[in-house]
Amino acid sequence: SYFLPRLVGVSVASELILTGRFIQASRALAVGLVSEIVEEADLEKAAQAYVDDLLLTAPLALRLSKECLNMSVDAGSIEQVIAMEDRNQILCVKSEDFREGITAFLEKRKPNWA
């Protein structure tokens, strides 16, 4: 009852919680509860493609982006979110991940986030 209204809005959350109705995949996609629908036979392939995309991104940037996304849902103001984003930008720019990303770009190779 805490997260669902924030994800799909009060109207859809109320309908689902108060009626106990199951939600079809197409509706879950339409209301933003899921970001993609995949056939069961293609699930592993789709999951691997998603993971592969994540692995292309610097680990620190992923962690801090997730932190901002989670915090922004309950932030008291846009100023709080901007302050966190500013902090995270500074942390990223001063990180080894940033140096590796720039070096890899200049050397025309994939970054090694190890």
PDB file of N, CA and C in Angstrom:
ATOM      1  N   SER A   1       0.816  -1.201   0.000  1.00  0.00           N
ATOM      2  CA  SER A   1       0.000   0.000   0.000  1.00  0.00           C
ATOM      3  C   SER A   1       0.859   1.264   0.000  1.00  0.00           C
ATOM      4  N   TYR A   2       2.137   1.132   0.279  1.00  0.00           N
ATOM      5  CA  TYR A   2       3.014   2.304   0.265  1.00  0.00           C
ATOM      6  C   TYR A   2       3.569   2.563  -1.129  1.00  0.00           C
ATOM      7  N   PHE A   3       4.148   1.531  -1.743  1.00  0.00           N
ATOM      8  CA  PHE A   3       4.824   1.714  -3.025  1.00  0.00           C
ATOM      9  C   PHE A   3       3.878   1.724  -4.217  1.00  0.00           C
ATOM     10  N   LEU A   4       2.854   0.907  -4.201  1.00  0.00           N
ATOM     11  CA  LEU A   4       1.996   0.759  -5.377  1.00  0.00           C
ATOM     12  C   LEU A   4       1.387   2.080  -5.848  1.00  0.00           C
ATOM     13  N   PRO A   5       0.803   2.908  -4.974  1.00  0.00           N
ATOM     14  CA  PRO A   5       0.263   4.186  -5.461  1.00  0.00           C
ATOM     15  C   PRO A   5       1.334   5.092  -6.068  1.00  0.00           C
ATOM     16  N   ARG A   6       2.542   4.989  -5.576  1.00  0.00           N
ATOM     17  CA  ARG A   6       3.629   5.793  -6.120  1.00  0.00           C
ATOM     18  C   ARG A   6       4.045   5.293  -7.503  1.00  0.00           C
ATOM     19  N   LEU A   7       3.856   4.008  -7.734  1.00  0.00           N
ATOM     20  CA  LEU A   7       4.230   3.419  -9.020  1.00  0.00           C
ATOM     21  C   LEU A   7       3.158   3.602 -10.084  1.00  0.00           C
ATOM     22  N   VAL A   8       1.899   3.408  -9.711  1.00  0.00           N
ATOM     23  CA  VAL A   8       0.831   3.377 -10.716  1.00  0.00           C
ATOM     24  C   VAL A   8      -0.252   4.427 -10.496  1.00  0.00           C
ATOM     25  N   GLY A   9      -0.147   5.193  -9.437  1.00  0.00           N
ATOM     26  CA  GLY A   9      -1.181   6.176  -9.124  1.00  0.00           C
ATOM     27  C   GLY A   9      -2.220   5.601  -8.169  1.00  0.00           C
ATOM     28  N   VAL A  10      -2.902   6.486  -7.486  1.00  0.00           N
ATOM     29  CA  VAL A  10      -3.864   6.085  -6.460  1.00  0.00           C
ATOM     30  C   VAL A  10      -5.043   5.323  -7.059  1.00  0.00           C
ATOM     31  N   SER A  11      -5.517   5.744  -8.210  1.00  0.00           N
ATOM     32  CA  SER A  11      -6.693   5.112  -8.812  1.00  0.00           C
ATOM     33  C   SER A  11      -6.451   3.640  -9.132  1.00  0.00           C
ATOM     34  N   VAL A  12      -5.380   3.349  -9.847  1.00  0.00           N
ATOM     35  CA  VAL A  12      -5.077   1.960 -10.212  1.00  0.00           C
ATOM     36  C   VAL A  12      -4.717   1.158  -8.968  1.00  0.00           C
ATOM     37  N   ALA A  13      -3.928   1.747  -8.074  1.00  0.00           N
ATOM     38  CA  ALA A  13      -3.553   1.046  -6.840  1.00  0.00           C
ATOM     39  C   ALA A  13      -4.793   0.703  -6.020  1.00  0.00           C
ATOM     40  N   SER A  14      -5.722   1.636  -5.910  1.00  0.00           N
ATOM     41  CA  SER A  14      -6.959   1.380  -5.166  1.00  0.00           C
ATOM     42  C   SER A  14      -7.737   0.235  -5.785  1.00  0.00           C
ATOM     43  N   GLU A  15      -7.863   0.255  -7.093  1.00  0.00           N
ATOM     44  CA  GLU A  15      -8.589  -0.819  -7.779  1.00  0.00           C
ATOM     45  C   GLU A  15      -7.952  -2.172  -7.483  1.00  0.00           C
ATOM     46  N   LEU A  16      -6.646  -2.260  -7.609  1.00  0.00           N
ATOM     47  CA  LEU A  16      -5.968  -3.542  -7.414  1.00  0.00           C
ATOM     48  C   LEU A  16      -6.029  -4.009  -5.964  1.00  0.00           C
ATOM     49  N   ILE A  17      -5.786  -3.102  -5.035  1.00  0.00           N
ATOM     50  CA  ILE A  17      -5.755  -3.477  -3.620  1.00  0.00           C
ATOM     51  C   ILE A  17      -7.160  -3.767  -3.081  1.00  0.00           C
ATOM     52  N   LEU A  18      -8.116  -2.925  -3.415  1.00  0.00           N
ATOM     53  CA  LEU A  18      -9.456  -3.066  -2.844  1.00  0.00           C
ATOM     54  C   LEU A  18     -10.259  -4.197  -3.464  1.00  0.00           C
ATOM     55  N   THR A  19     -10.023  -4.497  -4.726  1.00  0.00           N
ATOM     56  CA  THR A  19     -10.789  -5.572  -5.375  1.00  0.00           C
ATOM     57  C   THR A  19     -10.057  -6.904  -5.363  1.00  0.00           C
ATOM     58  N   GLY A  20      -8.748  -6.874  -5.220  1.00  0.00           N
ATOM     59  CA  GLY A  20      -7.973  -8.111  -5.276  1.00  0.00           C
ATOM     60  C   GLY A  20      -7.871  -8.695  -6.674  1.00  0.00           C
ATOM     61  N   ARG A  21      -8.260  -7.908  -7.671  1.00  0.00           N
ATOM     62  CA  ARG A  21      -8.199  -8.387  -9.051  1.00  0.00           C
ATOM     63  C   ARG A  21      -6.755  -8.621  -9.487  1.00  0.00           C
ATOM     64  N   PHE A  22      -6.595  -9.625 -10.322  1.00  0.00           N
ATOM     65  CA  PHE A  22      -5.301  -9.844 -10.950  1.00  0.00           C
ATOM     66  C   PHE A  22      -5.157  -8.850 -12.094  1.00  0.00           C
ATOM     67  N   ILE A  23      -3.947  -8.514 -12.418  1.00  0.00           N
ATOM     68  CA  ILE A  23      -3.701  -7.567 -13.500  1.00  0.00           C
ATOM     69  C   ILE A  23      -3.044  -8.313 -14.661  1.00  0.00           C
ATOM     70  N   GLN A  24      -3.557  -8.089 -15.848  1.00  0.00           N
ATOM     71  CA  GLN A  24      -2.992  -8.707 -17.042  1.00  0.00           C
ATOM     72  C   GLN A  24      -1.694  -7.989 -17.417  1.00  0.00           C
ATOM     73  N   ALA A  25      -0.820  -8.702 -18.092  1.00  0.00           N
ATOM     74  CA  ALA A  25       0.479  -8.140 -18.473  1.00  0.00           C
ATOM     75  C   ALA A  25       0.325  -6.869 -19.303  1.00  0.00           C
ATOM     76  N   SER A  26      -0.602  -6.859 -20.229  1.00  0.00           N
ATOM     77  CA  SER A  26      -0.775  -5.681 -21.090  1.00  0.00           C
ATOM     78  C   SER A  26      -1.195  -4.454 -20.278  1.00  0.00           C
ATOM     79  N   ARG A  27      -2.029  -4.650 -19.282  1.00  0.00           N
ATOM     80  CA  ARG A  27      -2.439  -3.521 -18.435  1.00  0.00           C
ATOM     81  C   ARG A  27      -1.298  -3.098 -17.521  1.00  0.00           C
ATOM     82  N   ALA A  28      -0.556  -4.072 -16.999  1.00  0.00           N
ATOM     83  CA  ALA A  28       0.604  -3.742 -16.164  1.00  0.00           C
ATOM     84  C   ALA A  28       1.585  -2.876 -16.946  1.00  0.00           C
ATOM     85  N   LEU A  29       1.754  -3.174 -18.216  1.00  0.00           N
ATOM     86  CA  LEU A  29       2.627  -2.370 -19.075  1.00  0.00           C
ATOM     87  C   LEU A  29       2.032  -0.978 -19.281  1.00  0.00           C
ATOM     88  N   ALA A  30       0.743  -0.913 -19.543  1.00  0.00           N
ATOM     89  CA  ALA A  30       0.081   0.366 -19.810  1.00  0.00           C
ATOM     90  C   ALA A  30       0.129   1.314 -18.614  1.00  0.00           C
ATOM     91  N   VAL A  31       0.048   0.785 -17.397  1.00  0.00           N
ATOM     92  CA  VAL A  31       0.048   1.659 -16.214  1.00  0.00           C
ATOM     93  C   VAL A  31       1.445   1.869 -15.641  1.00  0.00           C
ATOM     94  N   GLY A  32       2.448   1.272 -16.264  1.00  0.00           N
ATOM     95  CA  GLY A  32       3.822   1.495 -15.827  1.00  0.00           C
ATOM     96  C   GLY A  32       4.298   0.587 -14.719  1.00  0.00           C
ATOM     97  N   LEU A  33       3.581  -0.480 -14.455  1.00  0.00           N
ATOM     98  CA  LEU A  33       3.989  -1.419 -13.412  1.00  0.00           C
ATOM     99  C   LEU A  33       5.150  -2.292 -13.882  1.00  0.00           C
ATOM    100  N   VAL A  34       5.202  -2.544 -15.179  1.00  0.00           N
ATOM    101  CA  VAL A  34       6.325  -3.258 -15.798  1.00  0.00           C
ATOM    102  C   VAL A  34       6.796  -2.439 -16.990  1.00  0.00           C
ATOM    103  N   SER A  35       8.026  -2.650 -17.416  1.00  0.00           N
ATOM    104  CA  SER A  35       8.563  -1.873 -18.532  1.00  0.00           C
ATOM    105  C   SER A  35       8.592  -2.647 -19.838  1.00  0.00           C
ATOM    106  N   GLU A  36       8.356  -3.950 -19.771  1.00  0.00           N
ATOM    107  CA  GLU A  36       8.405  -4.768 -20.974  1.00  0.00           C
ATOM    108  C   GLU A  36       7.645  -6.068 -20.725  1.00  0.00           C
ATOM    109  N   ILE A  37       7.040  -6.584 -21.777  1.00  0.00           N
ATOM    110  CA  ILE A  37       6.391  -7.894 -21.718  1.00  0.00           C
ATOM    111  C   ILE A  37       7.190  -8.830 -22.612  1.00  0.00           C
ATOM    112  N   VAL A  38       7.520  -9.993 -22.071  1.00  0.00           N
ATOM    113  CA  VAL A  38       8.341 -10.963 -22.798  1.00  0.00           C
ATOM    114  C   VAL A  38       7.654 -12.320 -22.723  1.00  0.00           C
ATOM    115  N   GLU A  39       7.645 -13.016 -23.838  1.00  0.00           N
ATOM    116  CA  GLU A  39       7.118 -14.381 -23.837  1.00  0.00           C
ATOM    117  C   GLU A  39       7.984 -15.240 -22.922  1.00  0.00           C
ATOM    118  N   GLU A  40       7.366 -16.196 -22.252  1.00  0.00           N
ATOM    119  CA  GLU A  40       8.103 -17.042 -21.310  1.00  0.00           C
ATOM    120  C   GLU A  40       9.298 -17.721 -21.972  1.00  0.00           C
ATOM    121  N   ALA A  41       9.141 -18.155 -23.203  1.00  0.00           N
ATOM    122  CA  ALA A  41      10.233 -18.831 -23.915  1.00  0.00           C
ATOM    123  C   ALA A  41      11.417 -17.898 -24.163  1.00  0.00           C
ATOM    124  N   ASP A  42      11.163 -16.587 -24.196  1.00  0.00           N
ATOM    125  CA  ASP A  42      12.216 -15.603 -24.466  1.00  0.00           C
ATOM    126  C   ASP A  42      12.718 -14.906 -23.207  1.00  0.00           C
ATOM    127  N   LEU A  43      12.228 -15.328 -22.050  1.00  0.00           N
ATOM    128  CA  LEU A  43      12.532 -14.626 -20.808  1.00  0.00           C
ATOM    129  C   LEU A  43      14.022 -14.593 -20.495  1.00  0.00           C
ATOM    130  N   GLU A  44      14.683 -15.730 -20.584  1.00  0.00           N
ATOM    131  CA  GLU A  44      16.109 -15.762 -20.256  1.00  0.00           C
ATOM    132  C   GLU A  44      16.918 -14.887 -21.214  1.00  0.00           C
ATOM    133  N   LYS A  45      16.599 -14.939 -22.484  1.00  0.00           N
ATOM    134  CA  LYS A  45      17.302 -14.125 -23.477  1.00  0.00           C
ATOM    135  C   LYS A  45      17.089 -12.633 -23.195  1.00  0.00           C
ATOM    136  N   ALA A  46      15.861 -12.252 -22.884  1.00  0.00           N
ATOM    137  CA  ALA A  46      15.554 -10.852 -22.588  1.00  0.00           C
ATOM    138  C   ALA A  46      16.249 -10.391 -21.310  1.00  0.00           C
ATOM    139  N   ALA A  47      16.265 -11.248 -20.304  1.00  0.00           N
ATOM    140  CA  ALA A  47      16.945 -10.906 -19.048  1.00  0.00           C
ATOM    141  C   ALA A  47      18.438 -10.731 -19.280  1.00  0.00           C
ATOM    142  N   GLN A  48      19.021 -11.602 -20.087  1.00  0.00           N
ATOM    143  CA  GLN A  48      20.454 -11.503 -20.368  1.00  0.00           C
ATOM    144  C   GLN A  48      20.769 -10.215 -21.124  1.00  0.00           C
ATOM    145  N   ALA A  49      19.921  -9.839 -22.064  1.00  0.00           N
ATOM    146  CA  ALA A  49      20.123  -8.586 -22.800  1.00  0.00           C
ATOM    147  C   ALA A  49      20.069  -7.388 -21.850  1.00  0.00           C
ATOM    148  N   TYR A  50      19.151  -7.427 -20.885  1.00  0.00           N
ATOM    149  CA  TYR A  50      19.031  -6.362 -19.889  1.00  0.00           C
ATOM    150  C   TYR A  50      20.297  -6.288 -19.035  1.00  0.00           C
ATOM    151  N   VAL A  51      20.756  -7.445 -18.580  1.00  0.00           N
ATOM    152  CA  VAL A  51      21.979  -7.506 -17.776  1.00  0.00           C
ATOM    153  C   VAL A  51      23.171  -7.008 -18.582  1.00  0.00           C
ATOM    154  N   ASP A  52      23.255  -7.409 -19.843  1.00  0.00           N
ATOM    155  CA  ASP A  52      24.359  -6.961 -20.694  1.00  0.00           C
ATOM    156  C   ASP A  52      24.383  -5.440 -20.812  1.00  0.00           C
ATOM    157  N   ASP A  53      23.208  -4.823 -20.941  1.00  0.00           N
ATOM    158  CA  ASP A  53      23.142  -3.360 -20.987  1.00  0.00           C
ATOM    159  C   ASP A  53      23.635  -2.750 -19.678  1.00  0.00           C
ATOM    160  N   LEU A  54      23.238  -3.326 -18.555  1.00  0.00           N
ATOM    161  CA  LEU A  54      23.682  -2.814 -17.256  1.00  0.00           C
ATOM    162  C   LEU A  54      25.194  -2.935 -17.098  1.00  0.00           C
ATOM    163  N   LEU A  55      25.751  -4.025 -17.604  1.00  0.00           N
ATOM    164  CA  LEU A  55      27.191  -4.253 -17.467  1.00  0.00           C
ATOM    165  C   LEU A  55      28.025  -3.268 -18.281  1.00  0.00           C
ATOM    166  N   LEU A  56      27.424  -2.589 -19.235  1.00  0.00           N
ATOM    167  CA  LEU A  56      28.137  -1.579 -20.016  1.00  0.00           C
ATOM    168  C   LEU A  56      28.293  -0.271 -19.247  1.00  0.00           C
ATOM    169  N   THR A  57      27.550  -0.136 -18.171  1.00  0.00           N
ATOM    170  CA  THR A  57      27.531   1.101 -17.394  1.00  0.00           C
ATOM    171  C   THR A  57      28.429   0.978 -16.170  1.00  0.00           C
ATOM    172  N   ALA A  58      29.074   2.060 -15.827  1.00  0.00           N
ATOM    173  CA  ALA A  58      29.956   2.074 -14.661  1.00  0.00           C
ATOM    174  C   ALA A  58      29.174   1.690 -13.404  1.00  0.00           C
ATOM    175  N   PRO A  59      29.711   0.776 -12.595  1.00  0.00           N
ATOM    176  CA  PRO A  59      29.002   0.316 -11.394  1.00  0.00           C
ATOM    177  C   PRO A  59      28.624   1.441 -10.429  1.00  0.00           C
ATOM    178  N   LEU A  60      29.526   2.378 -10.210  1.00  0.00           N
ATOM    179  CA  LEU A  60      29.213   3.473  -9.289  1.00  0.00           C
ATOM    180  C   LEU A  60      28.062   4.315  -9.835  1.00  0.00           C
ATOM    181  N   ALA A  61      28.083   4.593 -11.119  1.00  0.00           N
ATOM    182  CA  ALA A  61      27.005   5.378 -11.726  1.00  0.00           C
ATOM    183  C   ALA A  61      25.667   4.653 -11.603  1.00  0.00           C
ATOM    184  N   LEU A  62      25.674   3.341 -11.785  1.00  0.00           N
ATOM    185  CA  LEU A  62      24.439   2.564 -11.616  1.00  0.00           C
ATOM    186  C   LEU A  62      23.925   2.666 -10.188  1.00  0.00           C
ATOM    187  N   ARG A  63      24.818   2.465  -9.229  1.00  0.00           N
ATOM    188  CA  ARG A  63      24.414   2.492  -7.818  1.00  0.00           C
ATOM    189  C   ARG A  63      23.855   3.854  -7.430  1.00  0.00           C
ATOM    190  N   LEU A  64      24.550   4.918  -7.839  1.00  0.00           N
ATOM    191  CA  LEU A  64      24.104   6.255  -7.469  1.00  0.00           C
ATOM    192  C   LEU A  64      22.828   6.655  -8.212  1.00  0.00           C
ATOM    193  N   SER A  65      22.668   6.191  -9.439  1.00  0.00           N
ATOM    194  CA  SER A  65      21.425   6.454 -10.179  1.00  0.00           C
ATOM    195  C   SER A  65      20.247   5.776  -9.502  1.00  0.00           C
ATOM    196  N   LYS A  66      20.452   4.537  -9.074  1.00  0.00           N
ATOM    197  CA  LYS A  66      19.394   3.812  -8.365  1.00  0.00           C
ATOM    198  C   LYS A  66      19.047   4.531  -7.062  1.00  0.00           C
ATOM    199  N   GLU A  67      20.054   5.001  -6.358  1.00  0.00           N
ATOM    200  CA  GLU A  67      19.835   5.749  -5.124  1.00  0.00           C
ATOM    201  C   GLU A  67      18.973   6.987  -5.387  1.00  0.00           C
ATOM    202  N   CYS A  68      19.297   7.723  -6.439  1.00  0.00           N
ATOM    203  CA  CYS A  68      18.521   8.929  -6.772  1.00  0.00           C
ATOM    204  C   CYS A  68      17.088   8.588  -7.155  1.00  0.00           C
ATOM    205  N   LEU A  69      16.925   7.557  -7.953  1.00  0.00           N
ATOM    206  CA  LEU A  69      15.574   7.154  -8.354  1.00  0.00           C
ATOM    207  C   LEU A  69      14.731   6.783  -7.141  1.00  0.00           C
ATOM    208  N   ASN A  70      15.302   6.002  -6.241  1.00  0.00           N
ATOM    209  CA  ASN A  70      14.563   5.591  -5.046  1.00  0.00           C
ATOM    210  C   ASN A  70      14.254   6.776  -4.140  1.00  0.00           C
ATOM    211  N   MET A  71      15.205   7.678  -3.993  1.00  0.00           N
ATOM    212  CA  MET A  71      15.021   8.825  -3.115  1.00  0.00           C
ATOM    213  C   MET A  71      14.025   9.822  -3.696  1.00  0.00           C
ATOM    214  N   SER A  72      14.017   9.970  -5.006  1.00  0.00           N
ATOM    215  CA  SER A  72      13.174  11.000  -5.613  1.00  0.00           C
ATOM    216  C   SER A  72      11.681  10.733  -5.422  1.00  0.00           C
ATOM    217  N   VAL A  73      11.309   9.483  -5.203  1.00  0.00           N
ATOM    218  CA  VAL A  73       9.896   9.151  -4.992  1.00  0.00           C
ATOM    219  C   VAL A  73       9.348   9.853  -3.758  1.00  0.00           C
ATOM    220  N   ASP A  74      10.136   9.938  -2.709  1.00  0.00           N
ATOM    221  CA  ASP A  74       9.672  10.518  -1.447  1.00  0.00           C
ATOM    222  C   ASP A  74      10.366  11.826  -1.082  1.00  0.00           C
ATOM    223  N   ALA A  75      11.072  12.407  -2.021  1.00  0.00           N
ATOM    224  CA  ALA A  75      11.793  13.644  -1.718  1.00  0.00           C
ATOM    225  C   ALA A  75      10.808  14.745  -1.342  1.00  0.00           C
ATOM    226  N   GLY A  76      11.216  15.546  -0.384  1.00  0.00           N
ATOM    227  CA  GLY A  76      10.363  16.649   0.051  1.00  0.00           C
ATOM    228  C   GLY A  76      10.277  17.768  -0.965  1.00  0.00           C
ATOM    229  N   SER A  77      11.300  17.868  -1.811  1.00  0.00           N
ATOM    230  CA  SER A  77      11.308  18.940  -2.804  1.00  0.00           C
ATOM    231  C   SER A  77      12.245  18.576  -3.944  1.00  0.00           C
ATOM    232  N   ILE A  78      12.079  19.278  -5.036  1.00  0.00           N
ATOM    233  CA  ILE A  78      12.982  19.063  -6.168  1.00  0.00           C
ATOM    234  C   ILE A  78      14.400  19.495  -5.797  1.00  0.00           C
ATOM    235  N   GLU A  79      14.511  20.460  -4.904  1.00  0.00           N
ATOM    236  CA  GLU A  79      15.830  20.919  -4.471  1.00  0.00           C
ATOM    237  C   GLU A  79      16.614  19.793  -3.799  1.00  0.00           C
ATOM    238  N   GLN A  80      15.916  18.958  -3.008  1.00  0.00           N
ATOM    239  CA  GLN A  80      16.580  17.821  -2.368  1.00  0.00           C
ATOM    240  C   GLN A  80      17.102  16.837  -3.409  1.00  0.00           C
ATOM    241  N   VAL A  81      16.308  16.595  -4.431  1.00  0.00           N
ATOM    242  CA  VAL A  81      16.723  15.666  -5.483  1.00  0.00           C
ATOM    243  C   VAL A  81      17.902  16.245  -6.256  1.00  0.00           C
ATOM    244  N   ILE A  82      17.835  17.519  -6.591  1.00  0.00           N
ATOM    245  CA  ILE A  82      18.932  18.159  -7.324  1.00  0.00           C
ATOM    246  C   ILE A  82      20.205  18.138  -6.494  1.00  0.00           C
ATOM    247  N   ALA A  83      20.098  18.368  -5.184  1.00  0.00           N
ATOM    248  CA  ALA A  83      21.278  18.324  -4.313  1.00  0.00           C
ATOM    249  C   ALA A  83      21.905  16.934  -4.321  1.00  0.00           C
ATOM    250  N   MET A  84      21.075  15.892  -4.270  1.00  0.00           N
ATOM    251  CA  MET A  84      21.613  14.534  -4.312  1.00  0.00           C
ATOM    252  C   MET A  84      22.248  14.253  -5.671  1.00  0.00           C
ATOM    253  N   GLU A  85      21.604  14.695  -6.737  1.00  0.00           N
ATOM    254  CA  GLU A  85      22.166  14.484  -8.070  1.00  0.00           C
ATOM    255  C   GLU A  85      23.495  15.215  -8.225  1.00  0.00           C
ATOM    256  N   ASP A  86      23.582  16.434  -7.685  1.00  0.00           N
ATOM    257  CA  ASP A  86      24.849  17.179  -7.722  1.00  0.00           C
ATOM    258  C   ASP A  86      25.941  16.413  -6.988  1.00  0.00           C
ATOM    259  N   ARG A  87      25.612  15.929  -5.796  1.00  0.00           N
ATOM    260  CA  ARG A  87      26.565  15.148  -5.006  1.00  0.00           C
ATOM    261  C   ARG A  87      27.025  13.919  -5.782  1.00  0.00           C
ATOM    262  N   ASN A  88      26.072  13.219  -6.378  1.00  0.00           N
ATOM    263  CA  ASN A  88      26.410  11.992  -7.094  1.00  0.00           C
ATOM    264  C   ASN A  88      27.244  12.266  -8.340  1.00  0.00           C
ATOM    265  N   GLN A  89      26.982  13.387  -9.014  1.00  0.00           N
ATOM    266  CA  GLN A  89      27.809  13.765 -10.168  1.00  0.00           C
ATOM    267  C   GLN A  89      29.261  13.965  -9.735  1.00  0.00           C
ATOM    268  N   ILE A  90      29.446  14.639  -8.624  1.00  0.00           N
ATOM    269  CA  ILE A  90      30.804  14.881  -8.120  1.00  0.00           C
ATOM    270  C   ILE A  90      31.479  13.566  -7.757  1.00  0.00           C
ATOM    271  N   LEU A  91      30.752  12.686  -7.071  1.00  0.00           N
ATOM    272  CA  LEU A  91      31.319  11.382  -6.712  1.00  0.00           C
ATOM    273  C   LEU A  91      31.719  10.594  -7.955  1.00  0.00           C
ATOM    274  N   CYS A  92      30.888  10.637  -8.978  1.00  0.00           N
ATOM    275  CA  CYS A  92      31.200   9.895 -10.210  1.00  0.00           C
ATOM    276  C   CYS A  92      32.431  10.466 -10.906  1.00  0.00           C
ATOM    277  N   VAL A  93      32.492  11.786 -11.030  1.00  0.00           N
ATOM    278  CA  VAL A  93      33.610  12.419 -11.739  1.00  0.00           C
ATOM    279  C   VAL A  93      34.940  12.167 -11.036  1.00  0.00           C
ATOM    280  N   LYS A  94      34.910  11.999  -9.730  1.00  0.00           N
ATOM    281  CA  LYS A  94      36.144  11.761  -8.973  1.00  0.00           C
ATOM    282  C   LYS A  94      36.477  10.283  -8.824  1.00  0.00           C
ATOM    283  N   SER A  95      35.720   9.417  -9.490  1.00  0.00           N
ATOM    284  CA  SER A  95      35.886   7.977  -9.288  1.00  0.00           C
ATOM    285  C   SER A  95      36.829   7.340 -10.302  1.00  0.00           C
ATOM    286  N   GLU A  96      37.301   6.165  -9.935  1.00  0.00           N
ATOM    287  CA  GLU A  96      38.103   5.357 -10.852  1.00  0.00           C
ATOM    288  C   GLU A  96      37.260   4.927 -12.050  1.00  0.00           C
ATOM    289  N   ASP A  97      35.971   4.693 -11.833  1.00  0.00           N
ATOM    290  CA  ASP A  97      35.080   4.336 -12.939  1.00  0.00           C
ATOM    291  C   ASP A  97      35.095   5.421 -14.016  1.00  0.00           C
ATOM    292  N   PHE A  98      35.055   6.669 -13.599  1.00  0.00           N
ATOM    293  CA  PHE A  98      35.068   7.781 -14.549  1.00  0.00           C
ATOM    294  C   PHE A  98      36.369   7.784 -15.344  1.00  0.00           C
ATOM    295  N   ARG A  99      37.481   7.627 -14.636  1.00  0.00           N
ATOM    296  CA  ARG A  99      38.781   7.607 -15.324  1.00  0.00           C
ATOM    297  C   ARG A  99      38.851   6.457 -16.319  1.00  0.00           C
ATOM    298  N   GLU A 100      38.357   5.293 -15.908  1.00  0.00           N
ATOM    299  CA  GLU A 100      38.366   4.136 -16.804  1.00  0.00           C
ATOM    300  C   GLU A 100      37.469   4.378 -18.011  1.00  0.00           C
ATOM    301  N   GLY A 101      36.327   4.983 -17.806  1.00  0.00           N
ATOM    302  CA  GLY A 101      35.419   5.269 -18.915  1.00  0.00           C
ATOM    303  C   GLY A 101      36.039   6.211 -19.935  1.00  0.00           C
ATOM    304  N   ILE A 102      36.670   7.269 -19.465  1.00  0.00           N
ATOM    305  CA  ILE A 102      37.334   8.227 -20.360  1.00  0.00           C
ATOM    306  C   ILE A 102      38.494   7.563 -21.085  1.00  0.00           C
ATOM    307  N   THR A 103      39.311   6.819 -20.344  1.00  0.00           N
ATOM    308  CA  THR A 103      40.456   6.133 -20.954  1.00  0.00           C
ATOM    309  C   THR A 103      39.993   5.143 -22.013  1.00  0.00           C
ATOM    310  N   ALA A 104      38.984   4.364 -21.701  1.00  0.00           N
ATOM    311  CA  ALA A 104      38.464   3.386 -22.660  1.00  0.00           C
ATOM    312  C   ALA A 104      37.934   4.086 -23.910  1.00  0.00           C
ATOM    313  N   PHE A 105      37.252   5.194 -23.730  1.00  0.00           N
ATOM    314  CA  PHE A 105      36.734   5.942 -24.872  1.00  0.00           C
ATOM    315  C   PHE A 105      37.876   6.428 -25.756  1.00  0.00           C
ATOM    316  N   LEU A 106      38.887   7.020 -25.138  1.00  0.00           N
ATOM    317  CA  LEU A 106      40.027   7.547 -25.901  1.00  0.00           C
ATOM    318  C   LEU A 106      40.806   6.436 -26.594  1.00  0.00           C
ATOM    319  N   GLU A 107      40.865   5.269 -25.958  1.00  0.00           N
ATOM    320  CA  GLU A 107      41.580   4.125 -26.536  1.00  0.00           C
ATOM    321  C   GLU A 107      40.679   3.286 -27.440  1.00  0.00           C
ATOM    322  N   LYS A 108      39.435   3.733 -27.619  1.00  0.00           N
ATOM    323  CA  LYS A 108      38.470   3.049 -28.494  1.00  0.00           C
ATOM    324  C   LYS A 108      38.291   1.575 -28.117  1.00  0.00           C
ATOM    325  N   ARG A 109      38.064   1.345 -26.822  1.00  0.00           N
ATOM    326  CA  ARG A 109      37.832  -0.009 -26.316  1.00  0.00           C
ATOM    327  C   ARG A 109      36.697   0.040 -25.302  1.00  0.00           C
ATOM    328  N   LYS A 110      36.175  -1.129 -24.969  1.00  0.00           N
ATOM    329  CA  LYS A 110      35.149  -1.201 -23.933  1.00  0.00           C
ATOM    330  C   LYS A 110      35.811  -1.015 -22.572  1.00  0.00           C
ATOM    331  N   PRO A 111      35.139  -0.329 -21.662  1.00  0.00           N
ATOM    332  CA  PRO A 111      35.718  -0.147 -20.325  1.00  0.00           C
ATOM    333  C   PRO A 111      35.750  -1.449 -19.544  1.00  0.00           C
ATOM    334  N   ASN A 112      36.730  -1.553 -18.695  1.00  0.00           N
ATOM    335  CA  ASN A 112      36.851  -2.696 -17.785  1.00  0.00           C
ATOM    336  C   ASN A 112      36.479  -2.193 -16.396  1.00  0.00           C
ATOM    337  N   TRP A 113      35.295  -2.540 -15.956  1.00  0.00           N
ATOM    338  CA  TRP A 113      34.793  -2.039 -14.679  1.00  0.00           C
ATOM    339  C   TRP A 113      35.243  -2.878 -13.492  1.00  0.00           C
ATOM    340  N   ALA A 114      36.161  -3.788 -13.682  1.00  0.00           N
ATOM    341  CA  ALA A 114      36.591  -4.686 -12.598  1.00  0.00           C
ATOM    342  C   ALA A 114      37.208  -3.969 -11.441  1.00  0.00           C
TER     343      ALA A 114
END
